Amino acid sequence: MNDMGSHFFAMMSRMKYIERWALMRNSEKENISEHSLEVAMLAHVLAVLGNRRLGKHYDPARAALIGIYHDANEIITGDMPTPVKYYSLEMQNLFHGIEDKAAESLLSMLPEDIRDEYRGLFFPTGEDAALKPLVKAADKLSALIKCIEEGKAGNREFDQARRTIQTSIEEMQVEEARIFLTEFLPSYEKTLDEISR
């Protein structure tokens, strides 16, 4: 570690300054800090559902931790709009390389003696690799929830994104996400009075 200390957590605190959905007109802005909290909660419940209902052996707390850091590289890269990021396979591969370099840059800000504890959160391997599809599904569920919230606010800007994201979740064939779509997602369509009854 250098004389100036570790900058890692000061950088993490900047997640709140990175706005999502840059190309869309938002009725309510969302930053990656807010999004990451929601992804962590969703990844956690998907792991719990997998364990309790599907006979899996996930670590829900670890799924939540991976969810917290899943977009941390965007502190450096910013939130790349989906149409740009997935424009072509070449663009997708290029951007994944940039994301990996950004993650390595963030990890290098940690003291060497604890860096390995965080590496697995940025680059899940081994048992953590089984959690990656859950975190990806949680990421997409969070995006779908954002689309629903925007629609409830009368903003039609997210209508097509909602359809596309819902289809992509279904195509992932993550059974835990299907359970969430059936049991939990309908509540997001309701008003506070309706869900408080």
Protein backbone atom coordinates (compact mmCIF):
# COMPACT_ATOMS: atom_id res chain seq x y z
CA MET A 1 0.00 0.00 0.00
CA ASN A 2 1.29 3.46 -0.80
CA ASP A 3 1.77 6.33 1.68
CA MET A 4 -1.56 7.85 0.71
CA GLY A 5 -3.60 4.85 1.88
CA SER A 6 -6.24 2.93 -0.01
CA HIS A 7 -8.62 4.76 -2.31
CA PHE A 8 -10.92 1.79 -2.97
CA PHE A 9 -13.85 2.74 -0.73
CA ALA A 10 -13.62 6.42 -1.63
CA MET A 11 -14.04 5.27 -5.24
CA MET A 12 -16.93 2.95 -4.30
CA SER A 13 -18.72 5.91 -2.71
CA ARG A 14 -18.77 7.53 -6.15
CA MET A 15 -21.26 4.94 -7.42
CA LYS A 16 -23.95 7.41 -6.37
CA TYR A 17 -22.75 9.88 -9.02
CA ILE A 18 -23.08 7.51 -11.99
CA GLU A 19 -26.54 7.79 -13.49
CA ARG A 20 -28.19 4.91 -15.35
CA TRP A 21 -30.41 5.04 -18.44
CA ALA A 22 -28.51 7.97 -19.95
CA LEU A 23 -30.30 7.83 -23.32
CA MET A 24 -33.78 7.64 -21.81
CA ARG A 25 -36.03 10.39 -20.48
CA ASN A 26 -36.47 9.46 -16.81
CA SER A 27 -39.25 10.61 -14.52
CA GLU A 28 -37.05 9.48 -11.61
CA LYS A 29 -33.27 9.34 -11.97
CA GLU A 30 -31.44 6.21 -10.83
CA ASN A 31 -27.75 5.87 -9.99
CA ILE A 32 -25.65 2.71 -9.83
CA SER A 33 -25.50 2.83 -6.04
CA GLU A 34 -29.30 2.58 -5.81
CA HIS A 35 -29.38 -0.04 -8.55
CA SER A 36 -26.67 -2.13 -6.89
CA LEU A 37 -28.57 -2.23 -3.60
CA GLU A 38 -31.66 -3.48 -5.41
CA VAL A 39 -29.63 -6.07 -7.37
CA ALA A 40 -28.08 -7.29 -4.10
CA MET A 41 -31.51 -7.75 -2.51
CA LEU A 42 -32.85 -9.50 -5.61
CA ALA A 43 -29.81 -11.77 -5.98
CA HIS A 44 -30.19 -12.70 -2.31
CA VAL A 45 -33.86 -13.67 -2.67
CA LEU A 46 -33.18 -15.61 -5.88
CA ALA A 47 -30.56 -17.64 -4.00
CA VAL A 48 -32.98 -18.21 -1.10
CA LEU A 49 -35.70 -19.34 -3.54
CA GLY A 50 -33.23 -21.70 -5.23
CA ASN A 51 -32.27 -23.23 -1.90
CA ARG A 52 -35.76 -23.54 -0.42
CA ARG A 53 -37.72 -24.54 -3.50
CA LEU A 54 -35.31 -25.99 -6.03
CA GLY A 55 -32.89 -27.97 -3.86
CA LYS A 56 -29.90 -25.75 -4.67
CA HIS A 57 -27.02 -24.97 -2.33
CA TYR A 58 -26.36 -21.29 -2.98
CA ASP A 59 -24.77 -18.87 -0.52
CA PRO A 60 -27.40 -16.04 -0.46
CA ALA A 61 -25.12 -13.63 1.39
CA ARG A 62 -22.38 -14.15 -1.20
CA ALA A 63 -24.92 -13.58 -4.01
CA ALA A 64 -25.86 -10.28 -2.37
CA LEU A 65 -22.20 -9.24 -2.08
CA ILE A 66 -21.53 -9.99 -5.74
CA GLY A 67 -24.66 -7.97 -6.55
CA ILE A 68 -23.35 -4.99 -4.59
CA TYR A 69 -20.16 -4.85 -6.68
CA HIS A 70 -21.55 -6.07 -10.04
CA ASP A 71 -21.49 -2.60 -11.66
CA ALA A 72 -18.65 -1.04 -9.66
CA ASN A 73 -16.49 -0.83 -12.80
CA GLU A 74 -18.95 1.80 -14.09
CA ILE A 75 -17.35 4.25 -11.67
CA ILE A 76 -14.58 4.33 -14.28
CA THR A 77 -16.43 3.43 -17.50
CA GLY A 78 -19.77 5.11 -16.85
CA ASP A 79 -23.04 3.33 -17.68
CA MET A 80 -22.77 2.34 -21.32
CA PRO A 81 -26.24 2.38 -22.94
CA THR A 82 -27.41 -1.11 -23.94
CA PRO A 83 -27.89 -0.28 -27.65
CA VAL A 84 -24.25 0.83 -27.82
CA LYS A 85 -22.80 -1.94 -25.64
CA TYR A 86 -24.58 -4.70 -27.57
CA TYR A 87 -24.45 -3.11 -31.02
CA SER A 88 -22.24 -5.93 -32.31
CA LEU A 89 -20.28 -8.88 -30.98
CA GLU A 90 -17.09 -6.92 -31.60
CA MET A 91 -18.39 -3.98 -29.55
CA GLN A 92 -19.59 -6.33 -26.80
CA ASN A 93 -16.20 -8.08 -26.55
CA LEU A 94 -14.35 -4.76 -26.61
CA PHE A 95 -16.50 -3.35 -23.84
CA HIS A 96 -16.15 -6.48 -21.66
CA GLY A 97 -12.38 -6.03 -21.93
CA ILE A 98 -12.72 -2.39 -20.85
CA GLU A 99 -14.94 -3.44 -17.91
CA ASP A 100 -12.37 -6.02 -16.82
CA LYS A 101 -9.55 -3.44 -16.96
CA ALA A 102 -11.68 -1.02 -14.91
CA ALA A 103 -12.34 -3.74 -12.31
CA GLU A 104 -8.60 -4.52 -12.12
CA SER A 105 -7.90 -0.82 -11.65
CA LEU A 106 -10.34 -0.66 -8.74
CA LEU A 107 -8.95 -3.83 -7.16
CA SER A 108 -5.43 -2.40 -7.36
CA MET A 109 -6.59 0.35 -4.98
CA LEU A 110 -7.04 -2.20 -2.19
CA PRO A 111 -4.23 -3.16 0.19
CA GLU A 112 -2.56 -6.30 -1.12
CA ASP A 113 -3.34 -8.37 1.98
CA ILE A 114 -7.14 -8.08 1.49
CA ARG A 115 -7.34 -7.79 -2.30
CA ASP A 116 -8.10 -11.49 -2.83
CA GLU A 117 -11.23 -11.17 -0.65
CA TYR A 118 -12.63 -8.72 -3.19
CA ARG A 119 -11.32 -10.25 -6.41
CA GLY A 120 -13.95 -13.00 -6.26
CA LEU A 121 -16.70 -10.38 -6.01
CA PHE A 122 -15.52 -8.74 -9.24
CA PHE A 123 -14.53 -11.96 -11.00
CA PRO A 124 -16.63 -14.82 -9.55
CA THR A 125 -15.03 -18.27 -9.97
CA GLY A 126 -15.38 -21.67 -8.32
CA GLU A 127 -18.54 -21.91 -6.21
CA ASP A 128 -19.23 -18.22 -6.87
CA ALA A 129 -19.53 -18.94 -10.60
CA ALA A 130 -22.89 -20.64 -9.92
CA LEU A 131 -24.13 -17.31 -8.55
CA LYS A 132 -23.36 -15.36 -11.73
CA PRO A 133 -26.62 -16.30 -13.50
CA LEU A 134 -28.57 -15.26 -10.39
CA VAL A 135 -26.84 -11.89 -10.23
CA LYS A 136 -27.38 -11.38 -13.97
CA ALA A 137 -31.07 -12.25 -13.56
CA ALA A 138 -31.28 -9.88 -10.57
CA ASP A 139 -29.68 -7.15 -12.70
CA LYS A 140 -32.32 -7.65 -15.39
CA LEU A 141 -35.12 -7.82 -12.82
CA SER A 142 -33.96 -4.49 -11.41
CA ALA A 143 -34.07 -3.00 -14.91
CA LEU A 144 -37.57 -4.43 -15.42
CA ILE A 145 -38.71 -2.91 -12.12
CA LYS A 146 -37.35 0.46 -13.28
CA CYS A 147 -39.40 0.13 -16.48
CA ILE A 148 -42.54 -0.66 -14.48
CA GLU A 149 -41.96 2.31 -12.18
CA GLU A 150 -41.48 4.64 -15.13
CA GLY A 151 -44.66 3.32 -16.74
CA LYS A 152 -46.60 3.91 -13.51
CA ALA A 153 -45.35 7.50 -13.59
CA GLY A 154 -46.87 7.90 -17.06
CA ASN A 155 -43.55 7.76 -18.90
CA ARG A 156 -43.91 5.64 -22.06
CA GLU A 157 -40.20 5.99 -22.84
CA PHE A 158 -39.54 2.62 -21.17
CA ASP A 159 -42.37 0.60 -22.80
CA GLN A 160 -40.20 -1.14 -25.40
CA ALA A 161 -37.37 -1.66 -22.93
CA ARG A 162 -39.84 -3.36 -20.59
CA ARG A 163 -40.91 -5.84 -23.26
CA THR A 164 -37.33 -6.53 -24.33
CA ILE A 165 -36.06 -7.01 -20.77
CA GLN A 166 -38.96 -9.27 -19.77
CA THR A 167 -38.29 -11.46 -22.82
CA SER A 168 -34.56 -11.60 -22.03
CA ILE A 169 -35.29 -12.71 -18.44
CA GLU A 170 -37.56 -15.48 -19.69
CA GLU A 171 -34.94 -16.58 -22.22
CA MET A 172 -32.31 -16.90 -19.47
CA GLN A 173 -34.23 -19.90 -18.13
CA VAL A 174 -33.29 -19.11 -14.54
CA GLU A 175 -36.07 -20.84 -12.61
CA GLU A 176 -35.53 -18.61 -9.57
CA ALA A 177 -36.22 -15.54 -11.73
CA ARG A 178 -39.38 -17.16 -13.11
CA ILE A 179 -40.62 -17.63 -9.54
CA PHE A 180 -39.89 -13.97 -8.79
CA LEU A 181 -41.75 -12.85 -11.93
CA THR A 182 -44.80 -14.86 -10.88
CA GLU A 183 -44.91 -14.20 -7.15
CA PHE A 184 -43.26 -10.84 -6.52
CA LEU A 185 -43.26 -8.75 -9.70
CA PRO A 186 -47.05 -8.12 -9.85
CA SER A 187 -46.82 -6.09 -6.62
CA TYR A 188 -44.66 -3.50 -8.38
CA GLU A 189 -47.69 -2.61 -10.53
CA LYS A 190 -49.72 -1.67 -7.45
CA THR A 191 -50.00 1.59 -5.53
CA LEU A 192 -48.70 2.04 -1.98
CA ASP A 193 -52.28 1.83 -0.66
CA GLU A 194 -52.82 -1.45 -2.50
CA ILE A 195 -49.67 -3.11 -1.17
CA SER A 196 -50.17 -1.73 2.37
CA ARG A 197 -53.59 -3.31 2.87
